[in-house]
Amino acid sequence: MEDMKKVFDEVNLNLGKFTKEFPKEMEAFGKLMHAIEAPGALDIKHKELIAIALAIVTHCKWCIAYHVKGALKNGATRKEITEAGWIAVLMGGGPSLMYMQLVEKALEDYKK
């Protein structure tokens, strides 16, 4: 299984390339992302936990790497992250269970 730190680095590298090649589009997406991820009725930690669950259900390994790191950075515990993951498994079934492995891998890799 891939090192999720490397998957995270891959995301950042490619987003940097997209920013150079598609500045208008990335600026618009960045504004949307910052507006939605800003604290509101939900704090950033809880938004990251929701994003982890959605990343599992949509089978996005890059999103899992990105949002597990974000959740940890914003104070989420391993237990909170895995609980969010199990909600995704409940809603997404067997394929989501397979992607739950990447959440566990990310937690292990970010612990190192």
Protein backbone atom coordinates (compact mmCIF):
# COMPACT_ATOMS: atom_id res chain seq x y z
CA MET A 1 0.00 0.00 0.00
CA GLU A 2 1.25 3.48 -0.84
CA ASP A 3 2.80 5.83 1.69
CA MET A 4 0.01 8.34 2.26
CA LYS A 5 2.53 11.12 2.95
CA LYS A 6 3.75 10.62 -0.62
CA VAL A 7 0.17 10.66 -1.88
CA PHE A 8 -0.31 13.99 -0.06
CA ASP A 9 2.87 15.35 -1.63
CA GLU A 10 1.64 14.18 -5.03
CA VAL A 11 -1.59 16.15 -4.51
CA ASN A 12 0.32 19.31 -3.65
CA LEU A 13 2.67 18.92 -6.62
CA ASN A 14 -0.20 18.46 -9.06
CA LEU A 15 -2.24 21.30 -7.58
CA GLY A 16 0.82 23.52 -8.06
CA LYS A 17 1.00 22.46 -11.71
CA PHE A 18 -2.70 23.11 -12.17
CA THR A 19 -2.29 26.57 -10.62
CA LYS A 20 0.40 27.44 -13.20
CA GLU A 21 -1.49 25.98 -16.15
CA PHE A 22 -5.04 26.95 -15.17
CA PRO A 23 -4.72 29.99 -12.88
CA LYS A 24 -8.25 31.32 -13.41
CA GLU A 25 -9.88 27.96 -12.69
CA MET A 26 -7.70 27.22 -9.67
CA GLU A 27 -8.27 30.68 -8.24
CA ALA A 28 -12.03 30.18 -8.52
CA PHE A 29 -11.84 26.70 -6.97
CA GLY A 30 -9.57 28.02 -4.20
CA LYS A 31 -12.05 30.76 -3.31
CA LEU A 32 -14.87 28.21 -3.16
CA MET A 33 -12.77 25.83 -1.05
CA HIS A 34 -11.73 28.55 1.41
CA ALA A 35 -15.28 29.84 1.76
CA ILE A 36 -16.66 26.38 2.47
CA GLU A 37 -13.84 25.22 4.73
CA ALA A 38 -13.91 28.37 6.89
CA PRO A 39 -15.37 27.98 10.38
CA GLY A 40 -19.11 28.54 10.50
CA ALA A 41 -21.85 26.50 12.15
CA LEU A 42 -19.30 23.67 11.94
CA ASP A 43 -15.69 24.11 12.97
CA ILE A 44 -12.85 23.10 10.66
CA LYS A 45 -12.23 19.81 12.48
CA HIS A 46 -15.78 18.63 11.88
CA LYS A 47 -15.68 19.75 8.26
CA GLU A 48 -12.51 17.69 7.79
CA LEU A 49 -14.20 14.65 9.34
CA ILE A 50 -17.10 15.02 6.90
CA ALA A 51 -14.60 15.36 4.05
CA ILE A 52 -12.89 12.12 5.13
CA ALA A 53 -16.19 10.26 5.02
CA LEU A 54 -16.98 11.68 1.59
CA ALA A 55 -13.48 10.85 0.34
CA ILE A 56 -14.00 7.22 1.36
CA VAL A 57 -17.41 6.96 -0.29
CA THR A 58 -16.14 8.60 -3.50
CA HIS A 59 -12.99 6.41 -3.49
CA CYS A 60 -10.49 9.28 -3.64
CA LYS A 61 -7.14 8.25 -2.15
CA TRP A 62 -5.73 11.77 -2.65
CA CYS A 63 -8.69 13.27 -0.78
CA ILE A 64 -8.20 10.77 2.04
CA ALA A 65 -4.52 11.74 2.39
CA TYR A 66 -5.37 15.44 2.26
CA HIS A 67 -8.27 15.41 4.70
CA VAL A 68 -6.80 12.97 7.26
CA LYS A 69 -3.82 15.31 7.49
CA GLY A 70 -6.18 18.30 7.76
CA ALA A 71 -8.26 16.62 10.44
CA LEU A 72 -5.18 15.79 12.52
CA LYS A 73 -3.90 19.35 12.08
CA ASN A 74 -7.22 20.68 13.36
CA GLY A 75 -7.30 18.53 16.49
CA ALA A 76 -9.20 15.42 15.42
CA THR A 77 -8.28 12.26 17.27
CA ARG A 78 -7.66 8.87 15.70
CA LYS A 79 -10.97 7.73 17.20
CA GLU A 80 -12.90 10.63 15.65
CA ILE A 81 -11.31 10.03 12.26
CA THR A 82 -12.02 6.31 12.28
CA GLU A 83 -15.60 6.90 13.45
CA ALA A 84 -16.16 9.25 10.51
CA GLY A 85 -14.69 6.52 8.31
CA TRP A 86 -17.03 3.88 9.67
CA ILE A 87 -20.03 6.09 8.93
CA ALA A 88 -18.79 6.17 5.33
CA VAL A 89 -18.51 2.37 5.34
CA LEU A 90 -22.08 2.11 6.64
CA MET A 91 -23.35 4.34 3.85
CA GLY A 92 -21.04 3.14 1.09
CA GLY A 93 -20.82 -0.60 1.70
CA GLY A 94 -18.02 -2.96 0.71
CA PRO A 95 -16.12 -0.65 -1.66
CA SER A 96 -15.97 2.01 1.08
CA LEU A 97 -14.69 -0.63 3.50
CA MET A 98 -11.76 -1.19 1.13
CA TYR A 99 -10.96 2.55 1.14
CA MET A 100 -11.10 2.58 4.94
CA GLN A 101 -7.72 0.85 4.71
CA LEU A 102 -6.25 4.06 3.32
CA VAL A 103 -7.52 6.03 6.31
CA GLU A 104 -5.76 3.60 8.63
CA LYS A 105 -2.62 3.79 6.48
CA ALA A 106 -2.70 7.60 6.53
CA LEU A 107 -3.05 7.62 10.31
CA GLU A 108 -0.06 5.33 10.61
CA ASP A 109 2.04 7.26 8.08
CA TYR A 110 1.32 10.65 9.66
CA LYS A 111 2.23 9.24 13.08
CA LYS A 112 5.80 8.54 11.85
